[in-house]
Protein backbone atom coordinates (compact mmCIF):
# COMPACT_ATOMS: atom_id res chain seq x y z
CA MET A 1 -1.82 -7.78 22.57
CA SER A 2 -1.84 -4.96 20.03
CA VAL A 3 0.11 -5.60 16.82
CA ASN A 4 1.27 -2.33 15.28
CA THR A 5 4.80 -3.35 14.26
CA PHE A 6 5.97 -5.04 11.06
CA GLY A 7 9.35 -6.45 10.04
CA ARG A 8 12.29 -8.18 11.73
CA ALA A 9 15.71 -6.66 10.96
CA LEU A 10 14.03 -3.46 9.75
CA ARG A 11 10.99 -2.84 11.93
CA PHE A 12 8.46 -0.07 11.75
CA THR A 13 5.62 0.82 14.08
CA THR A 14 2.82 3.15 13.05
CA TRP A 15 0.81 5.23 15.51
CA GLY A 16 -2.06 7.71 15.46
CA GLU A 17 -5.65 7.96 14.26
CA SER A 18 -7.47 9.57 11.37
CA HIS A 19 -8.89 12.44 13.44
CA GLY A 20 -6.24 12.69 16.14
CA PRO A 21 -3.72 15.55 16.29
CA ALA A 22 -1.08 13.61 14.36
CA LEU A 23 0.06 10.22 13.14
CA GLY A 24 3.43 8.76 12.32
CA ALA A 25 5.90 5.91 12.33
CA VAL A 26 8.98 4.78 14.20
CA VAL A 27 11.51 2.96 11.99
CA ASP A 28 14.05 0.84 13.88
CA GLY A 29 16.98 -1.13 12.47
CA CYS A 30 17.97 1.28 9.72
CA PRO A 31 21.74 1.16 9.15
CA PRO A 32 23.72 4.25 10.13
CA GLY A 33 25.32 6.73 7.75
CA LEU A 34 22.58 6.96 5.12
CA ALA A 35 21.77 10.44 3.84
CA ILE A 36 18.26 11.44 4.92
CA SER A 37 16.13 14.58 5.05
CA GLU A 38 12.51 15.62 5.27
CA ASP A 39 12.78 16.93 1.70
CA ALA A 40 13.80 13.45 0.51
CA ILE A 41 10.79 11.81 2.19
CA GLN A 42 8.21 14.43 1.19
CA PRO A 43 7.80 13.50 -2.53
CA PHE A 44 6.55 10.05 -1.58
CA LEU A 45 3.94 11.56 0.73
CA ASP A 46 2.97 14.08 -1.94
CA ALA A 47 2.16 11.21 -4.31
CA ARG A 48 -0.32 9.82 -1.77
CA ARG A 49 -1.64 13.17 -0.49
CA PRO A 50 -5.44 13.65 -0.67
CA GLY A 51 -7.26 16.42 -2.48
CA GLN A 52 -5.09 16.52 -5.61
CA SER A 53 -7.87 15.74 -8.06
CA ARG A 54 -11.63 15.24 -8.16
CA PHE A 55 -11.04 11.49 -8.25
CA THR A 56 -9.83 11.33 -4.63
CA THR A 57 -11.06 12.55 -1.26
CA GLN A 58 -11.18 16.33 -0.96
CA ARG A 59 -9.75 16.32 2.57
CA GLN A 60 -6.97 18.92 2.41
CA GLU A 61 -3.95 17.59 4.25
CA PRO A 62 -0.45 18.94 3.46
CA ASP A 63 1.06 15.75 4.91
CA LYS A 64 4.28 17.53 5.83
CA VAL A 65 6.64 15.10 7.53
CA ARG A 66 8.88 15.93 10.48
CA ILE A 67 11.86 13.81 11.52
CA LEU A 68 11.99 13.80 15.31
CA SER A 69 14.85 11.41 16.01
CA GLY A 70 17.42 9.01 14.59
CA THR A 71 19.41 11.47 12.48
CA PHE A 72 22.42 13.72 12.93
CA GLU A 73 23.85 16.17 10.43
CA GLY A 74 21.67 14.76 7.67
CA ARG A 75 22.48 11.09 8.18
CA THR A 76 20.90 8.15 9.95
CA THR A 77 22.52 7.25 13.27
CA GLY A 78 21.35 3.63 13.54
CA THR A 79 18.87 4.56 16.28
CA PRO A 80 15.05 4.65 15.92
CA ILE A 81 13.85 7.18 13.36
CA SER A 82 10.62 8.86 14.47
CA LEU A 83 8.45 10.44 11.77
CA MET A 84 5.41 12.63 12.44
CA ILE A 85 2.65 13.97 10.17
CA GLU A 86 0.10 16.38 11.62
CA ASN A 87 -3.63 16.14 10.86
CA VAL A 88 -4.94 19.61 10.03
CA ASP A 89 -8.24 19.14 8.19
CA GLN A 90 -10.44 16.84 10.29
CA ARG A 91 -14.24 17.17 10.23
CA SER A 92 -15.35 14.88 13.01
CA LYS A 93 -18.95 16.16 12.85
CA ASP A 94 -19.34 14.33 9.52
CA TYR A 95 -19.31 11.05 11.48
CA SER A 96 -22.18 11.68 13.90
CA GLU A 97 -24.33 8.98 12.26
CA VAL A 98 -21.41 6.53 12.18
CA ALA A 99 -21.24 6.85 15.97
CA GLN A 100 -24.68 5.24 16.21
CA ALA A 101 -24.66 2.71 13.35
CA TYR A 102 -22.11 0.50 11.64
CA ARG A 103 -20.90 1.04 8.07
CA PRO A 104 -21.24 -2.27 6.20
CA GLY A 105 -17.90 -3.32 4.74
CA HIS A 106 -15.98 -1.11 7.18
CA ALA A 107 -14.27 -2.19 10.41
CA ASP A 108 -16.85 -0.47 12.66
CA TYR A 109 -18.56 -3.59 13.97
CA ALA A 110 -15.37 -5.67 14.17
CA TYR A 111 -13.61 -3.00 16.27
CA ASP A 112 -16.62 -2.73 18.58
CA ALA A 113 -16.77 -6.51 18.94
CA LYS A 114 -13.08 -6.72 19.81
CA TYR A 115 -12.48 -3.66 22.00
CA GLY A 116 -15.94 -2.73 23.25
CA LEU A 117 -15.43 0.81 21.99
CA ARG A 118 -14.16 2.48 18.84
CA ASP A 119 -13.05 5.82 17.47
CA TYR A 120 -15.83 6.43 14.94
CA ARG A 121 -14.24 9.66 13.62
CA GLY A 122 -13.08 8.50 10.22
CA GLY A 123 -12.55 4.99 11.55
CA GLY A 124 -9.64 5.76 13.88
CA ARG A 125 -6.86 3.22 13.27
CA SER A 126 -8.89 1.44 10.60
CA SER A 127 -8.87 4.58 8.44
CA ALA A 128 -6.75 4.64 5.30
CA ARG A 129 -5.29 7.85 6.74
CA GLU A 130 -2.92 5.52 8.66
CA THR A 131 -1.17 4.67 5.39
CA ALA A 132 0.51 8.09 5.30
CA ALA A 133 2.77 6.82 8.08
CA ARG A 134 3.62 3.72 6.04
CA VAL A 135 4.60 5.84 3.05
CA ALA A 136 6.95 7.88 5.24
CA ALA A 137 8.49 4.68 6.63
CA GLY A 138 8.77 3.30 3.11
CA ALA A 139 10.81 6.33 2.06
CA VAL A 140 13.33 5.41 4.77
CA ALA A 141 13.40 1.81 3.53
CA ARG A 142 14.25 2.97 0.03
CA LEU A 143 17.51 4.42 1.38
CA ILE A 144 18.58 0.83 2.04
CA LEU A 145 17.72 -0.26 -1.53
CA PRO A 146 19.74 1.87 -3.99
CA GLU A 147 20.04 -1.10 -6.35
CA VAL A 148 16.26 -1.64 -6.60
CA THR A 149 13.77 0.30 -8.72
CA ILE A 150 10.13 -0.02 -7.67
CA THR A 151 7.30 0.84 -10.07
CA ALA A 152 3.59 0.60 -9.32
CA TYR A 153 0.47 1.48 -11.27
CA VAL A 154 -3.26 0.91 -11.40
CA SER A 155 -4.09 -1.80 -13.93
CA GLU A 156 -7.86 -1.97 -13.42
CA ILE A 157 -10.69 0.16 -12.03
CA GLY A 158 -14.25 -1.08 -11.69
CA GLY A 159 -13.55 -4.12 -13.89
CA ASP A 160 -12.07 -2.03 -16.73
CA ALA A 161 -8.46 -3.11 -17.32
CA ILE A 162 -5.56 -1.53 -19.19
CA ASP A 163 -4.45 -2.72 -22.62
CA ARG A 164 -1.11 -4.47 -22.04
CA ASP A 165 -0.07 -3.74 -25.61
CA GLY A 166 -0.50 -0.03 -24.90
CA PHE A 167 1.62 -0.07 -21.72
CA ASP A 168 3.72 3.11 -21.44
CA ALA A 169 5.58 3.60 -18.16
CA THR A 170 5.98 7.32 -18.84
CA GLU A 171 2.20 7.72 -18.66
CA ILE A 172 2.05 6.69 -14.99
CA ALA A 173 3.04 10.14 -13.75
CA ARG A 174 0.95 11.99 -16.33
CA ASN A 175 -2.55 11.21 -15.06
CA PRO A 176 -4.29 11.13 -11.66
CA PHE A 177 -4.81 7.35 -11.81
CA PHE A 178 -1.15 6.24 -11.93
CA CYS A 179 -2.21 4.51 -15.16
CA PRO A 180 0.27 3.30 -17.82
CA ASP A 181 -2.41 3.31 -20.54
CA SER A 182 -3.59 6.79 -21.61
CA TRP A 183 -6.79 5.44 -23.18
CA ALA A 184 -7.74 3.54 -20.04
CA ALA A 185 -7.06 6.65 -17.93
CA LYS A 186 -9.47 8.60 -20.12
CA ARG A 187 -12.17 5.94 -19.70
CA TRP A 188 -11.62 5.85 -15.95
CA GLU A 189 -12.33 9.57 -15.67
CA GLY A 190 -15.92 8.88 -16.68
CA LYS A 191 -16.26 5.75 -14.54
CA VAL A 192 -14.97 7.32 -11.34
CA ASP A 193 -16.92 10.54 -11.93
CA GLU A 194 -20.09 8.52 -12.39
CA ALA A 195 -19.53 6.56 -9.19
CA ARG A 196 -18.70 9.72 -7.22
CA LYS A 197 -21.79 11.59 -8.41
CA ALA A 198 -23.96 8.56 -7.62
CA GLY A 199 -22.60 8.46 -4.07
CA SER A 200 -20.97 5.10 -4.74
CA SER A 201 -17.41 3.77 -5.15
CA LEU A 202 -15.27 1.43 -7.27
CA GLY A 203 -12.60 -1.18 -6.64
CA ALA A 204 -9.19 -1.30 -8.29
CA VAL A 205 -6.16 -3.51 -8.95
CA VAL A 206 -2.66 -2.18 -8.32
CA GLU A 207 0.41 -3.88 -9.74
CA CYS A 208 3.92 -3.40 -8.37
CA VAL A 209 7.24 -4.46 -9.91
CA ALA A 210 10.65 -4.31 -8.21
CA ASP A 211 13.60 -4.47 -10.62
CA GLY A 212 17.17 -5.07 -9.47
CA VAL A 213 16.41 -7.46 -6.61
CA PRO A 214 19.34 -9.90 -6.62
CA ALA A 215 18.96 -13.64 -6.25
CA GLY A 216 19.03 -14.91 -2.68
CA TRP A 217 16.79 -12.62 -0.63
CA GLY A 218 14.22 -14.48 1.45
CA ALA A 219 14.27 -17.79 3.28
CA PRO A 220 12.57 -21.20 3.07
CA LEU A 221 9.30 -22.02 4.78
CA TYR A 222 8.58 -19.48 7.53
CA GLY A 223 10.63 -16.57 6.22
CA LYS A 224 9.52 -16.60 2.60
CA LEU A 225 9.86 -13.34 0.71
CA ASP A 226 6.53 -13.86 -1.03
CA ALA A 227 4.78 -14.72 2.25
CA ASP A 228 6.02 -11.48 3.82
CA LEU A 229 5.01 -9.51 0.73
CA ALA A 230 1.54 -11.04 0.87
CA ALA A 231 1.22 -10.20 4.58
CA ALA A 232 2.44 -6.65 3.99
CA MET A 233 0.01 -6.00 1.15
CA MET A 234 -2.92 -7.61 2.96
CA SER A 235 -2.25 -5.33 5.92
CA ILE A 236 -3.12 -2.27 3.79
CA ASN A 237 -6.61 -0.91 4.39
CA ALA A 238 -9.21 -2.12 1.84
CA VAL A 239 -6.96 -4.82 0.32
CA LYS A 240 -8.81 -8.13 -0.16
CA GLY A 241 -6.50 -10.07 -2.46
CA VAL A 242 -2.80 -10.45 -3.32
CA GLU A 243 -1.16 -12.35 -6.17
CA ILE A 244 2.56 -13.04 -6.66
CA GLY A 245 3.52 -13.42 -10.31
CA ASP A 246 0.71 -15.18 -12.19
CA GLY A 247 -1.07 -15.79 -8.89
CA PHE A 248 -4.41 -17.52 -9.38
CA GLY A 249 -3.69 -17.65 -13.11
CA ALA A 250 -0.99 -20.25 -12.42
CA ALA A 251 -3.70 -22.69 -11.33
CA ARG A 252 -5.03 -22.67 -14.90
CA LEU A 253 -1.69 -23.55 -16.51
CA THR A 254 0.05 -26.86 -17.12
CA GLY A 255 3.45 -27.61 -15.62
CA GLU A 256 5.31 -26.82 -18.83
CA GLN A 257 3.36 -23.59 -19.32
CA ASN A 258 4.07 -22.44 -15.79
CA ALA A 259 7.79 -23.28 -15.84
CA ASP A 260 10.15 -20.29 -15.79
CA ARG A 261 12.51 -21.61 -18.46
CA MET A 262 16.25 -20.93 -18.13
CA ARG A 263 19.16 -20.72 -20.54
CA PRO A 264 22.87 -20.22 -19.78
CA GLY A 265 23.96 -16.61 -19.33
CA ALA A 266 27.32 -15.07 -20.16
CA ASP A 267 28.21 -14.63 -16.50
CA GLY A 268 27.28 -18.19 -15.52
CA LYS A 269 23.94 -17.09 -14.12
CA PRO A 270 20.70 -18.19 -15.79
CA VAL A 271 18.80 -16.12 -18.29
CA PHE A 272 15.10 -16.57 -17.59
CA LEU A 273 12.70 -16.78 -20.51
CA ASP A 274 9.58 -16.42 -18.33
CA ASN A 275 8.56 -15.00 -14.96
CA HIS A 276 5.37 -16.78 -13.95
CA ALA A 277 6.65 -17.06 -10.35
CA GLY A 278 6.99 -13.30 -9.95
CA GLY A 279 10.70 -13.41 -9.24
CA ILE A 280 10.43 -15.68 -6.21
CA ALA A 281 10.95 -19.45 -5.98
CA GLY A 282 10.82 -21.41 -2.74
CA GLY A 283 10.42 -18.13 -0.89
CA ILE A 284 13.75 -16.80 -2.23
CA SER A 285 14.30 -14.17 -4.93
CA THR A 286 15.62 -15.46 -8.26
CA GLY A 287 17.07 -12.23 -9.63
CA GLN A 288 14.06 -11.61 -11.85
CA PRO A 289 11.67 -8.69 -11.30
CA VAL A 290 9.55 -9.22 -8.18
CA MET A 291 5.91 -8.83 -9.23
CA VAL A 292 2.90 -8.33 -6.96
CA ARG A 293 -0.75 -7.64 -7.79
CA VAL A 294 -3.06 -6.15 -5.14
CA ALA A 295 -6.87 -5.98 -5.18
CA PHE A 296 -8.56 -3.03 -3.43
CA LYS A 297 -12.26 -3.28 -2.61
CA PRO A 298 -14.62 -0.34 -3.24
CA THR A 299 -14.55 2.31 -0.51
CA SER A 300 -16.98 1.34 2.26
CA SER A 301 -17.91 4.94 3.19
CA ILE A 302 -20.50 5.87 0.57
CA LEU A 303 -23.47 8.23 0.28
CA THR A 304 -25.75 5.52 -1.08
CA PRO A 305 -27.95 4.28 1.83
CA VAL A 306 -27.27 0.64 2.78
CA GLU A 307 -28.91 -1.64 5.33
CA THR A 308 -27.17 -1.97 8.68
CA ILE A 309 -27.79 -2.15 12.43
CA THR A 310 -27.18 0.31 15.25
CA ARG A 311 -24.90 -0.33 18.21
CA ASN A 312 -28.04 -1.36 20.08
CA GLY A 313 -28.81 -4.04 17.49
CA GLU A 314 -31.72 -2.24 15.82
CA ALA A 315 -32.32 -2.37 12.06
CA SER A 316 -31.30 0.82 10.31
CA GLU A 317 -29.86 2.36 7.15
CA ILE A 318 -26.72 4.45 6.82
CA ALA A 319 -25.32 6.86 4.25
CA THR A 320 -21.84 8.07 5.18
CA LYS A 321 -21.36 11.81 4.90
CA GLY A 322 -17.97 13.46 4.62
CA ARG A 323 -15.09 13.36 2.16
CA HIS A 324 -14.09 9.93 0.89
CA ASP A 325 -12.22 8.41 -2.03
CA PRO A 326 -14.58 7.16 -4.76
CA CYS A 327 -11.81 4.65 -5.55
CA VAL A 328 -9.38 4.07 -2.68
CA GLY A 329 -7.10 1.98 -4.90
CA ILE A 330 -5.86 5.09 -6.71
CA ARG A 331 -4.09 6.49 -3.67
CA GLY A 332 -3.16 2.95 -2.73
CA VAL A 333 -0.37 2.97 -5.32
CA PRO A 334 2.23 4.84 -3.18
CA VAL A 335 1.25 2.66 -0.22
CA VAL A 336 1.90 -0.55 -2.17
CA VAL A 337 5.29 0.86 -3.22
CA ALA A 338 6.10 1.65 0.42
CA MET A 339 5.22 -1.83 1.64
CA MET A 340 7.27 -3.40 -1.16
CA ALA A 341 10.27 -1.28 -0.14
CA LEU A 342 9.86 -2.09 3.56
CA VAL A 343 9.71 -5.85 2.95
CA LEU A 344 12.63 -5.86 0.50
CA ALA A 345 14.81 -3.74 2.80
CA ASP A 346 14.02 -6.06 5.70
CA HIS A 347 15.00 -9.12 3.66
CA LYS A 348 18.15 -7.46 2.36
CA LEU A 349 19.31 -6.86 5.94
CA LEU A 350 18.27 -10.38 7.01
CA HIS A 351 20.20 -11.88 4.09
CA ARG A 352 23.27 -9.82 4.92
CA ALA A 353 23.07 -10.91 8.58
CA GLN A 354 23.00 -14.61 7.70
CA CYS A 355 25.07 -14.83 4.52
CA GLY A 356 27.37 -11.80 4.73
């Protein structure tokens, strides 16, 4: 059984490999009548596109999306929407050594153990190149969420975090790190440059906030909104940790400190004084901002030689040639946004189906 589909009411399936002719997504369950175009999807792909600064991989991919089905006269028809992105700048020869030995930290060995063969060119399906398809699908999901604003940013690179007191949302689009703190962005230039020149890599933390999510999305127990968000974020390449709201920090609080206090609002709805729960209680949205924090590990493909074994089980060392992100979390920001949109759109449609 191969699991390449995510979602229930709104489902998307990604297809393709890093060094194949193309990759893409099929989005099924999108309501009809929504205005859609390739030009509307393209800005989201442009935000993730490689080669835009020295702090990301220099692979030059235009990432131009084509809509192959599911639309008519600029609107969705309610049928599956097929999206395709061509690969135009593969260098498979860079992976000749990877064909013989496993990259520690990458999925090379695990894929071999499961399938008995693997596409070593860039990692095949385990490559972060697959996330371009998710971003395209996420752009479709955003059509279903006009009431929701999603903002994501990098809050930490290589253990160096932003200053919360210096948070400026307008800075996110002004630097190559999607960073809301201009001073942190300046420091990160040096850190990422140093790692890149040393043939190494750095990890990062991405935070994502969805404003405008009404109370009531999600379901108890096995359909929890936060459980689906956690699964969605953990499915992103290189992600090793997810926190909702205070996350692990909540374990260090007392009950009264962790309580999201409420006062009466003018419209009869509560006014929350805190948001430790990240906008979700009992698996259901509360009307507060939905907050997720995602930890990206350092890129596994590095030039620094590391100990490994060959496919024949012999001791070896490997240094991965080619073009790779010195910090994969930077380009992870648009991917996190896409997965947030896909999960929220799915739960909006599920809520509408059950509760009208």
